[in-house]
Amino acid sequence: WLIPASALAGATLLLLADVLGRIVVSPGELQTGIVLA
């Protein structure tokens, strides 16, 4: 159960981090790796 749950949670967290990176410095963009760091 842990592996599929981790996969889905990883996809959710990465996409949300990417979206957040577009918002915080709009109209510019903060890279996803920086947001997750």
Full PDB file with SEQRES, HELIX, SHEET, SSBOND, CRYST1, ORIGX, SCALE, CONECT and MASTER records, all heavy atoms in Angstrom:
SEQRES   1 A   37  TRP LEU ILE PRO ALA SER ALA LEU ALA GLY ALA THR LEU          
SEQRES   2 A   37  LEU LEU LEU ALA ASP VAL LEU GLY ARG ILE VAL VAL SER          
SEQRES   3 A   37  PRO GLY GLU LEU GLN THR GLY ILE VAL LEU ALA                  
HELIX    1 AA1 LEU A    2  VAL A   24  1                                  23    
HELIX    2 AA2 THR A   32  LEU A   36  1                                   5    
CRYST1    1.000    1.000    1.000  90.00  90.00  90.00 P 1           1          
ORIGX1      1.000000  0.000000  0.000000        0.00000                         
ORIGX2      0.000000  1.000000  0.000000        0.00000                         
ORIGX3      0.000000  0.000000  1.000000        0.00000                         
SCALE1      1.000000  0.000000  0.000000        0.00000                         
SCALE2      0.000000  1.000000  0.000000        0.00000                         
SCALE3      0.000000  0.000000  1.000000        0.00000                         
ATOM      1  N   TRP A   1       0.819  -1.209   0.000  1.00  0.00           N  
ATOM      2  CA  TRP A   1       0.000   0.000   0.000  1.00  0.00           C  
ATOM      3  C   TRP A   1       0.857   1.266   0.000  1.00  0.00           C  
ATOM      4  O   TRP A   1       0.473   2.286  -0.569  1.00  0.00           O  
ATOM      5  CB  TRP A   1      -0.913   0.009   1.236  1.00  0.00           C  
ATOM      6  CG  TRP A   1      -1.892  -1.092   1.243  1.00  0.00           C  
ATOM      7  CD1 TRP A   1      -1.757  -2.313   1.848  1.00  0.00           C  
ATOM      8  CD2 TRP A   1      -3.165  -1.115   0.598  1.00  0.00           C  
ATOM      9  NE1 TRP A   1      -2.861  -3.093   1.620  1.00  0.00           N  
ATOM     10  CE2 TRP A   1      -3.751  -2.382   0.860  1.00  0.00           C  
ATOM     11  CE3 TRP A   1      -3.882  -0.190  -0.155  1.00  0.00           C  
ATOM     12  CZ2 TRP A   1      -5.010  -2.737   0.382  1.00  0.00           C  
ATOM     13  CZ3 TRP A   1      -5.133  -0.540  -0.637  1.00  0.00           C  
ATOM     14  CH2 TRP A   1      -5.684  -1.798  -0.373  1.00  0.00           C  
ATOM     15  N   LEU A   2       2.011   1.180   0.647  1.00  0.00           N  
ATOM     16  CA  LEU A   2       2.865   2.359   0.785  1.00  0.00           C  
ATOM     17  C   LEU A   2       3.398   2.847  -0.559  1.00  0.00           C  
ATOM     18  O   LEU A   2       3.452   4.057  -0.810  1.00  0.00           O  
ATOM     19  CB  LEU A   2       4.032   2.039   1.725  1.00  0.00           C  
ATOM     20  CG  LEU A   2       5.047   3.151   1.960  1.00  0.00           C  
ATOM     21  CD1 LEU A   2       4.382   4.360   2.591  1.00  0.00           C  
ATOM     22  CD2 LEU A   2       6.197   2.658   2.838  1.00  0.00           C  
ATOM     23  N   ILE A   3       3.792   1.927  -1.438  1.00  0.00           N  
ATOM     24  CA  ILE A   3       4.369   2.349  -2.716  1.00  0.00           C  
ATOM     25  C   ILE A   3       3.350   3.078  -3.594  1.00  0.00           C  
ATOM     26  O   ILE A   3       3.641   4.180  -4.086  1.00  0.00           O  
ATOM     27  CB  ILE A   3       4.997   1.138  -3.435  1.00  0.00           C  
ATOM     28  CG1 ILE A   3       6.257   0.699  -2.682  1.00  0.00           C  
ATOM     29  CG2 ILE A   3       5.335   1.476  -4.882  1.00  0.00           C  
ATOM     30  CD1 ILE A   3       6.873  -0.586  -3.187  1.00  0.00           C  
ATOM     31  N   PRO A   4       2.144   2.533  -3.820  1.00  0.00           N  
ATOM     32  CA  PRO A   4       1.185   3.322  -4.617  1.00  0.00           C  
ATOM     33  C   PRO A   4       0.764   4.616  -3.937  1.00  0.00           C  
ATOM     34  O   PRO A   4       0.561   5.637  -4.608  1.00  0.00           O  
ATOM     35  CB  PRO A   4       0.002   2.374  -4.806  1.00  0.00           C  
ATOM     36  CG  PRO A   4       0.166   1.299  -3.792  1.00  0.00           C  
ATOM     37  CD  PRO A   4       1.625   1.174  -3.539  1.00  0.00           C  
ATOM     38  N   ALA A   5       0.653   4.600  -2.603  1.00  0.00           N  
ATOM     39  CA  ALA A   5       0.295   5.835  -1.904  1.00  0.00           C  
ATOM     40  C   ALA A   5       1.394   6.882  -2.050  1.00  0.00           C  
ATOM     41  O   ALA A   5       1.116   8.072  -2.253  1.00  0.00           O  
ATOM     42  CB  ALA A   5       0.038   5.541  -0.422  1.00  0.00           C  
ATOM     43  N   SER A   6       2.646   6.458  -1.961  1.00  0.00           N  
ATOM     44  CA  SER A   6       3.766   7.387  -2.131  1.00  0.00           C  
ATOM     45  C   SER A   6       3.805   7.948  -3.551  1.00  0.00           C  
ATOM     46  O   SER A   6       4.107   9.122  -3.757  1.00  0.00           O  
ATOM     47  CB  SER A   6       5.090   6.679  -1.813  1.00  0.00           C  
ATOM     48  OG  SER A   6       5.153   6.286  -0.468  1.00  0.00           O  
ATOM     49  N   ALA A   7       3.512   7.101  -4.536  1.00  0.00           N  
ATOM     50  CA  ALA A   7       3.511   7.561  -5.919  1.00  0.00           C  
ATOM     51  C   ALA A   7       2.457   8.643  -6.135  1.00  0.00           C  
ATOM     52  O   ALA A   7       2.736   9.699  -6.722  1.00  0.00           O  
ATOM     53  CB  ALA A   7       3.267   6.378  -6.857  1.00  0.00           C  
ATOM     54  N   LEU A   8       1.242   8.403  -5.648  1.00  0.00           N  
ATOM     55  CA  LEU A   8       0.174   9.395  -5.815  1.00  0.00           C  
ATOM     56  C   LEU A   8       0.470  10.674  -5.034  1.00  0.00           C  
ATOM     57  O   LEU A   8       0.253  11.788  -5.535  1.00  0.00           O  
ATOM     58  CB  LEU A   8      -1.158   8.795  -5.363  1.00  0.00           C  
ATOM     59  CG  LEU A   8      -1.737   7.693  -6.253  1.00  0.00           C  
ATOM     60  CD1 LEU A   8      -2.955   7.050  -5.587  1.00  0.00           C  
ATOM     61  CD2 LEU A   8      -2.124   8.256  -7.621  1.00  0.00           C  
ATOM     62  N   ALA A   9       0.960  10.520  -3.808  1.00  0.00           N  
ATOM     63  CA  ALA A   9       1.307  11.700  -3.016  1.00  0.00           C  
ATOM     64  C   ALA A   9       2.441  12.480  -3.662  1.00  0.00           C  
ATOM     65  O   ALA A   9       2.464  13.716  -3.640  1.00  0.00           O  
ATOM     66  CB  ALA A   9       1.692  11.288  -1.597  1.00  0.00           C  
ATOM     67  N   GLY A  10       3.398  11.776  -4.253  1.00  0.00           N  
ATOM     68  CA  GLY A  10       4.500  12.448  -4.935  1.00  0.00           C  
ATOM     69  C   GLY A  10       4.021  13.255  -6.120  1.00  0.00           C  
ATOM     70  O   GLY A  10       4.463  14.392  -6.338  1.00  0.00           O  
ATOM     71  N   ALA A  11       3.111  12.684  -6.919  1.00  0.00           N  
ATOM     72  CA  ALA A  11       2.571  13.418  -8.064  1.00  0.00           C  
ATOM     73  C   ALA A  11       1.815  14.664  -7.608  1.00  0.00           C  
ATOM     74  O   ALA A  11       1.954  15.748  -8.197  1.00  0.00           O  
ATOM     75  CB  ALA A  11       1.654  12.502  -8.872  1.00  0.00           C  
ATOM     76  N   THR A  12       1.014  14.512  -6.554  1.00  0.00           N  
ATOM     77  CA  THR A  12       0.251  15.650  -6.041  1.00  0.00           C  
ATOM     78  C   THR A  12       1.168  16.754  -5.538  1.00  0.00           C  
ATOM     79  O   THR A  12       1.003  17.932  -5.880  1.00  0.00           O  
ATOM     80  CB  THR A  12      -0.682  15.191  -4.908  1.00  0.00           C  
ATOM     81  OG1 THR A  12      -1.562  14.180  -5.390  1.00  0.00           O  
ATOM     82  CG2 THR A  12      -1.497  16.361  -4.377  1.00  0.00           C  
ATOM     83  N   LEU A  13       2.153  16.385  -4.735  1.00  0.00           N  
ATOM     84  CA  LEU A  13       3.046  17.381  -4.142  1.00  0.00           C  
ATOM     85  C   LEU A  13       3.882  18.092  -5.201  1.00  0.00           C  
ATOM     86  O   LEU A  13       4.072  19.311  -5.140  1.00  0.00           O  
ATOM     87  CB  LEU A  13       3.951  16.706  -3.115  1.00  0.00           C  
ATOM     88  CG  LEU A  13       4.839  17.626  -2.273  1.00  0.00           C  
ATOM     89  CD1 LEU A  13       3.989  18.628  -1.501  1.00  0.00           C  
ATOM     90  CD2 LEU A  13       5.695  16.814  -1.309  1.00  0.00           C  
ATOM     91  N   LEU A  14       4.361  17.350  -6.201  1.00  0.00           N  
ATOM     92  CA  LEU A  14       5.179  17.973  -7.236  1.00  0.00           C  
ATOM     93  C   LEU A  14       4.368  18.952  -8.068  1.00  0.00           C  
ATOM     94  O   LEU A  14       4.826  20.065  -8.355  1.00  0.00           O  
ATOM     95  CB  LEU A  14       5.791  16.896  -8.133  1.00  0.00           C  
ATOM     96  CG  LEU A  14       6.726  17.415  -9.232  1.00  0.00           C  
ATOM     97  CD1 LEU A  14       7.927  18.128  -8.631  1.00  0.00           C  
ATOM     98  CD2 LEU A  14       7.195  16.283 -10.128  1.00  0.00           C  
ATOM     99  N   LEU A  15       3.153  18.578  -8.453  1.00  0.00           N  
ATOM    100  CA  LEU A  15       2.329  19.480  -9.249  1.00  0.00           C  
ATOM    101  C   LEU A  15       1.927  20.725  -8.444  1.00  0.00           C  
ATOM    102  O   LEU A  15       1.917  21.840  -8.975  1.00  0.00           O  
ATOM    103  CB  LEU A  15       1.081  18.755  -9.740  1.00  0.00           C  
ATOM    104  CG  LEU A  15       1.318  17.706 -10.843  1.00  0.00           C  
ATOM    105  CD1 LEU A  15       0.027  16.949 -11.138  1.00  0.00           C  
ATOM    106  CD2 LEU A  15       1.841  18.365 -12.110  1.00  0.00           C  
ATOM    107  N   LEU A  16       1.614  20.535  -7.162  1.00  0.00           N  
ATOM    108  CA  LEU A  16       1.263  21.698  -6.329  1.00  0.00           C  
ATOM    109  C   LEU A  16       2.471  22.618  -6.143  1.00  0.00           C  
ATOM    110  O   LEU A  16       2.317  23.844  -6.120  1.00  0.00           O  
ATOM    111  CB  LEU A  16       0.731  21.228  -4.975  1.00  0.00           C  
ATOM    112  CG  LEU A  16      -0.639  20.534  -4.998  1.00  0.00           C  
ATOM    113  CD1 LEU A  16      -1.028  20.090  -3.596  1.00  0.00           C  
ATOM    114  CD2 LEU A  16      -1.705  21.453  -5.591  1.00  0.00           C  
ATOM    115  N   ALA A  17       3.665  22.040  -5.991  1.00  0.00           N  
ATOM    116  CA  ALA A  17       4.868  22.864  -5.877  1.00  0.00           C  
ATOM    117  C   ALA A  17       5.110  23.647  -7.160  1.00  0.00           C  
ATOM    118  O   ALA A  17       5.520  24.812  -7.130  1.00  0.00           O  
ATOM    119  CB  ALA A  17       6.076  21.979  -5.557  1.00  0.00           C  
ATOM    120  N   ASP A  18       4.846  23.020  -8.300  1.00  0.00           N  
ATOM    121  CA  ASP A  18       5.010  23.706  -9.580  1.00  0.00           C  
ATOM    122  C   ASP A  18       4.007  24.853  -9.712  1.00  0.00           C  
ATOM    123  O   ASP A  18       4.356  25.945 -10.172  1.00  0.00           O  
ATOM    124  CB  ASP A  18       4.830  22.706 -10.718  1.00  0.00           C  
ATOM    125  CG  ASP A  18       5.151  23.297 -12.077  1.00  0.00           C  
ATOM    126  OD1 ASP A  18       6.199  23.963 -12.201  1.00  0.00           O  
ATOM    127  OD2 ASP A  18       4.364  23.101 -13.017  1.00  0.00           O  
ATOM    128  N   VAL A  19       2.775  24.614  -9.286  1.00  0.00           N  
ATOM    129  CA  VAL A  19       1.757  25.669  -9.327  1.00  0.00           C  
ATOM    130  C   VAL A  19       2.145  26.815  -8.388  1.00  0.00           C  
ATOM    131  O   VAL A  19       2.029  28.001  -8.744  1.00  0.00           O  
ATOM    132  CB  VAL A  19       0.374  25.096  -8.946  1.00  0.00           C  
ATOM    133  CG1 VAL A  19      -0.640  26.224  -8.741  1.00  0.00           C  
ATOM    134  CG2 VAL A  19      -0.117  24.135 -10.020  1.00  0.00           C  
ATOM    135  N   LEU A  20       2.610  26.479  -7.189  1.00  0.00           N  
ATOM    136  CA  LEU A  20       3.013  27.510  -6.225  1.00  0.00           C  
ATOM    137  C   LEU A  20       4.158  28.351  -6.783  1.00  0.00           C  
ATOM    138  O   LEU A  20       4.195  29.579  -6.584  1.00  0.00           O  
ATOM    139  CB  LEU A  20       3.427  26.849  -4.912  1.00  0.00           C  
ATOM    140  CG  LEU A  20       3.831  27.787  -3.773  1.00  0.00           C  
ATOM    141  CD1 LEU A  20       2.657  28.696  -3.395  1.00  0.00           C  
ATOM    142  CD2 LEU A  20       4.292  26.985  -2.559  1.00  0.00           C  
ATOM    143  N   GLY A  21       5.073  27.714  -7.488  1.00  0.00           N  
ATOM    144  CA  GLY A  21       6.178  28.448  -8.085  1.00  0.00           C  
ATOM    145  C   GLY A  21       5.732  29.458  -9.117  1.00  0.00           C  
ATOM    146  O   GLY A  21       6.398  30.480  -9.341  1.00  0.00           O  
ATOM    147  N   ARG A  22       4.600  29.210  -9.766  1.00  0.00           N  
ATOM    148  CA  ARG A  22       4.075  30.164 -10.742  1.00  0.00           C  
ATOM    149  C   ARG A  22       3.365  31.340 -10.072  1.00  0.00           C  
ATOM    150  O   ARG A  22       3.220  32.397 -10.669  1.00  0.00           O  
ATOM    151  CB  ARG A  22       3.072  29.470 -11.677  1.00  0.00           C  
ATOM    152  CG  ARG A  22       3.601  28.255 -12.400  1.00  0.00           C  
ATOM    153  CD  ARG A  22       2.495  27.641 -13.264  1.00  0.00           C  
ATOM    154  NE  ARG A  22       2.687  26.204 -13.430  1.00  0.00           N  
ATOM    155  CZ  ARG A  22       1.796  25.406 -13.994  1.00  0.00           C  
ATOM    156  NH1 ARG A  22       0.652  25.907 -14.440  1.00  0.00           N  
ATOM    157  NH2 ARG A  22       2.037  24.109 -14.124  1.00  0.00           N  
ATOM    158  N   ILE A  23       2.912  31.113  -8.827  1.00  0.00           N  
ATOM    159  CA  ILE A  23       2.116  32.144  -8.142  1.00  0.00           C  
ATOM    160  C   ILE A  23       2.990  33.116  -7.364  1.00  0.00           C  
ATOM    161  O   ILE A  23       2.764  34.340  -7.413  1.00  0.00           O  
ATOM    162  CB  ILE A  23       1.100  31.483  -7.183  1.00  0.00           C  
ATOM    163  CG1 ILE A  23       0.092  30.646  -7.975  1.00  0.00           C  
ATOM    164  CG2 ILE A  23       0.382  32.531  -6.346  1.00  0.00           C  
ATOM    165  CD1 ILE A  23      -0.848  29.844  -7.088  1.00  0.00           C  
ATOM    166  N   VAL A  24       3.987  32.625  -6.643  1.00  0.00           N  
ATOM    167  CA  VAL A  24       4.690  33.452  -5.649  1.00  0.00           C  
ATOM    168  C   VAL A  24       5.490  34.582  -6.281  1.00  0.00           C  
ATOM    169  O   VAL A  24       5.705  35.612  -5.628  1.00  0.00           O  
ATOM    170  CB  VAL A  24       5.604  32.574  -4.764  1.00  0.00           C  
ATOM    171  CG1 VAL A  24       4.778  31.667  -3.884  1.00  0.00           C  
ATOM    172  CG2 VAL A  24       6.583  31.775  -5.604  1.00  0.00           C  
ATOM    173  N   VAL A  25       5.952  34.415  -7.512  1.00  0.00           N  
ATOM    174  CA  VAL A  25       6.713  35.489  -8.156  1.00  0.00           C  
ATOM    175  C   VAL A  25       6.058  35.886  -9.476  1.00  0.00           C  
ATOM    176  O   VAL A  25       6.720  36.332 -10.402  1.00  0.00           O  
ATOM    177  CB  VAL A  25       8.181  35.073  -8.393  1.00  0.00           C  
ATOM    178  CG1 VAL A  25       8.926  34.944  -7.087  1.00  0.00           C  
ATOM    179  CG2 VAL A  25       8.281  33.786  -9.191  1.00  0.00           C  
ATOM    180  N   SER A  26       4.734  35.705  -9.576  1.00  0.00           N  
ATOM    181  CA  SER A  26       4.009  36.040 -10.802  1.00  0.00           C  
ATOM    182  C   SER A  26       4.231  37.509 -11.179  1.00  0.00           C  
ATOM    183  O   SER A  26       4.279  38.382 -10.292  1.00  0.00           O  
ATOM    184  CB  SER A  26       2.512  35.781 -10.591  1.00  0.00           C  
ATOM    185  OG  SER A  26       1.793  36.050 -11.749  1.00  0.00           O  
ATOM    186  N   PRO A  27       4.406  37.820 -12.461  1.00  0.00           N  
ATOM    187  CA  PRO A  27       4.264  36.965 -13.648  1.00  0.00           C  
ATOM    188  C   PRO A  27       5.502  36.137 -13.978  1.00  0.00           C  
ATOM    189  O   PRO A  27       5.554  35.492 -15.013  1.00  0.00           O  
ATOM    190  CB  PRO A  27       3.992  37.961 -14.759  1.00  0.00           C  
ATOM    191  CG  PRO A  27       4.760  39.178 -14.347  1.00  0.00           C  
ATOM    192  CD  PRO A  27       4.668  39.232 -12.843  1.00  0.00           C  
ATOM    193  N   GLY A  28       6.516  36.164 -13.107  1.00  0.00           N  
ATOM    194  CA  GLY A  28       7.679  35.302 -13.310  1.00  0.00           C  
ATOM    195  C   GLY A  28       7.390  33.899 -12.796  1.00  0.00           C  
ATOM    196  O   GLY A  28       6.234  33.502 -12.604  1.00  0.00           O  
ATOM    197  N   GLU A  29       8.443  33.154 -12.536  1.00  0.00           N  
ATOM    198  CA  GLU A  29       8.264  31.767 -12.113  1.00  0.00           C  
ATOM    199  C   GLU A  29       9.434  31.320 -11.244  1.00  0.00           C  
ATOM    200  O   GLU A  29      10.588  31.616 -11.543  1.00  0.00           O  
ATOM    201  CB  GLU A  29       8.160  30.870 -13.350  1.00  0.00           C  
ATOM    202  CG  GLU A  29       7.874  29.428 -13.039  1.00  0.00           C  
ATOM    203  CD  GLU A  29       7.651  28.615 -14.311  1.00  0.00           C  
ATOM    204  OE1 GLU A  29       6.947  29.124 -15.212  1.00  0.00           O  
ATOM    205  OE2 GLU A  29       8.190  27.499 -14.399  1.00  0.00           O  
ATOM    206  N   LEU A  30       9.114  30.630 -10.154  1.00  0.00           N  
ATOM    207  CA  LEU A  30      10.115  30.050  -9.270  1.00  0.00           C  
ATOM    208  C   LEU A  30      10.222  28.566  -9.589  1.00  0.00           C  
ATOM    209  O   LEU A  30       9.213  27.860  -9.668  1.00  0.00           O  
ATOM    210  CB  LEU A  30       9.704  30.245  -7.811  1.00  0.00           C  
ATOM    211  CG  LEU A  30      10.766  29.992  -6.737  1.00  0.00           C  
ATOM    212  CD1 LEU A  30      11.934  30.946  -6.893  1.00  0.00           C  
ATOM    213  CD2 LEU A  30      10.148  30.124  -5.347  1.00  0.00           C  
ATOM    214  N   GLN A  31      11.436  28.077  -9.791  1.00  0.00           N  
ATOM    215  CA  GLN A  31      11.613  26.694 -10.227  1.00  0.00           C  
ATOM    216  C   GLN A  31      11.099  25.711  -9.177  1.00  0.00           C  
ATOM    217  O   GLN A  31      11.193  25.933  -7.967  1.00  0.00           O  
ATOM    218  CB  GLN A  31      13.092  26.427 -10.508  1.00  0.00           C  
ATOM    219  CG  GLN A  31      13.721  27.360 -11.530  1.00  0.00           C  
ATOM    220  CD  GLN A  31      13.036  27.285 -12.879  1.00  0.00           C  
ATOM    221  OE1 GLN A  31      12.500  26.259 -13.244  1.00  0.00           O  
ATOM    222  NE2 GLN A  31      13.048  28.383 -13.626  1.00  0.00           N  
ATOM    223  N   THR A  32      10.566  24.597  -9.662  1.00  0.00           N  
ATOM    224  CA  THR A  32       9.959  23.587  -8.790  1.00  0.00           C  
ATOM    225  C   THR A  32      10.950  23.049  -7.764  1.00  0.00           C  
ATOM    226  O   THR A  32      10.598  22.829  -6.598  1.00  0.00           O  
ATOM    227  CB  THR A  32       9.415  22.425  -9.637  1.00  0.00           C  
ATOM    228  OG1 THR A  32       8.593  22.943 -10.681  1.00  0.00           O  
ATOM    229  CG2 THR A  32       8.608  21.467  -8.782  1.00  0.00           C  
ATOM    230  N   GLY A  33      12.188  22.824  -8.186  1.00  0.00           N  
ATOM    231  CA  GLY A  33      13.196  22.325  -7.263  1.00  0.00           C  
ATOM    232  C   GLY A  33      13.438  23.267  -6.100  1.00  0.00           C  
ATOM    233  O   GLY A  33      13.690  22.829  -4.969  1.00  0.00           O  
ATOM    234  N   ILE A  34      13.362  24.574  -6.351  1.00  0.00           N  
ATOM    235  CA  ILE A  34      13.559  25.559  -5.291  1.00  0.00           C  
ATOM    236  C   ILE A  34      12.398  25.537  -4.306  1.00  0.00           C  
ATOM    237  O   ILE A  34      12.577  25.606  -3.087  1.00  0.00           O  
ATOM    238  CB  ILE A  34      13.747  26.962  -5.903  1.00  0.00           C  
ATOM    239  CG1 ILE A  34      14.997  26.988  -6.791  1.00  0.00           C  
ATOM    240  CG2 ILE A  34      13.828  28.028  -4.817  1.00  0.00           C  
ATOM    241  CD1 ILE A  34      15.184  28.286  -7.550  1.00  0.00           C  
ATOM    242  N   VAL A  35      11.167  25.437  -4.840  1.00  0.00           N  
ATOM    243  CA  VAL A  35       9.984  25.383  -3.970  1.00  0.00           C  
ATOM    244  C   VAL A  35      10.044  24.163  -3.057  1.00  0.00           C  
ATOM    245  O   VAL A  35       9.791  24.250  -1.848  1.00  0.00           O  
ATOM    246  CB  VAL A  35       8.698  25.357  -4.821  1.00  0.00           C  
ATOM    247  CG1 VAL A  35       7.470  25.214  -3.928  1.00  0.00           C  
ATOM    248  CG2 VAL A  35       8.584  26.626  -5.656  1.00  0.00           C  
ATOM    249  N   LEU A  36      10.391  23.010  -3.625  1.00  0.00           N  
ATOM    250  CA  LEU A  36      10.456  21.791  -2.819  1.00  0.00           C  
ATOM    251  C   LEU A  36      11.597  21.843  -1.813  1.00  0.00           C  
ATOM    252  O   LEU A  36      11.487  21.302  -0.704  1.00  0.00           O  
ATOM    253  CB  LEU A  36      10.605  20.577  -3.728  1.00  0.00           C  
ATOM    254  CG  LEU A  36       9.334  20.168  -4.477  1.00  0.00           C  
ATOM    255  CD1 LEU A  36       9.640  19.101  -5.511  1.00  0.00           C  
ATOM    256  CD2 LEU A  36       8.288  19.652  -3.496  1.00  0.00           C  
ATOM    257  N   ALA A  37      12.700  22.480  -2.184  1.00  0.00           N  
ATOM    258  CA  ALA A  37      13.810  22.619  -1.242  1.00  0.00           C  
ATOM    259  C   ALA A  37      13.403  23.487  -0.055  1.00  0.00           C  
ATOM    260  O   ALA A  37      13.763  23.205   1.096  1.00  0.00           O  
ATOM    261  CB  ALA A  37      15.023  23.212  -1.938  1.00  0.00           C  
TER     262      ALA A  37                                                      
MASTER        0    0    0    2    0    0    0    6  261    1    0    3          
END                                                                             
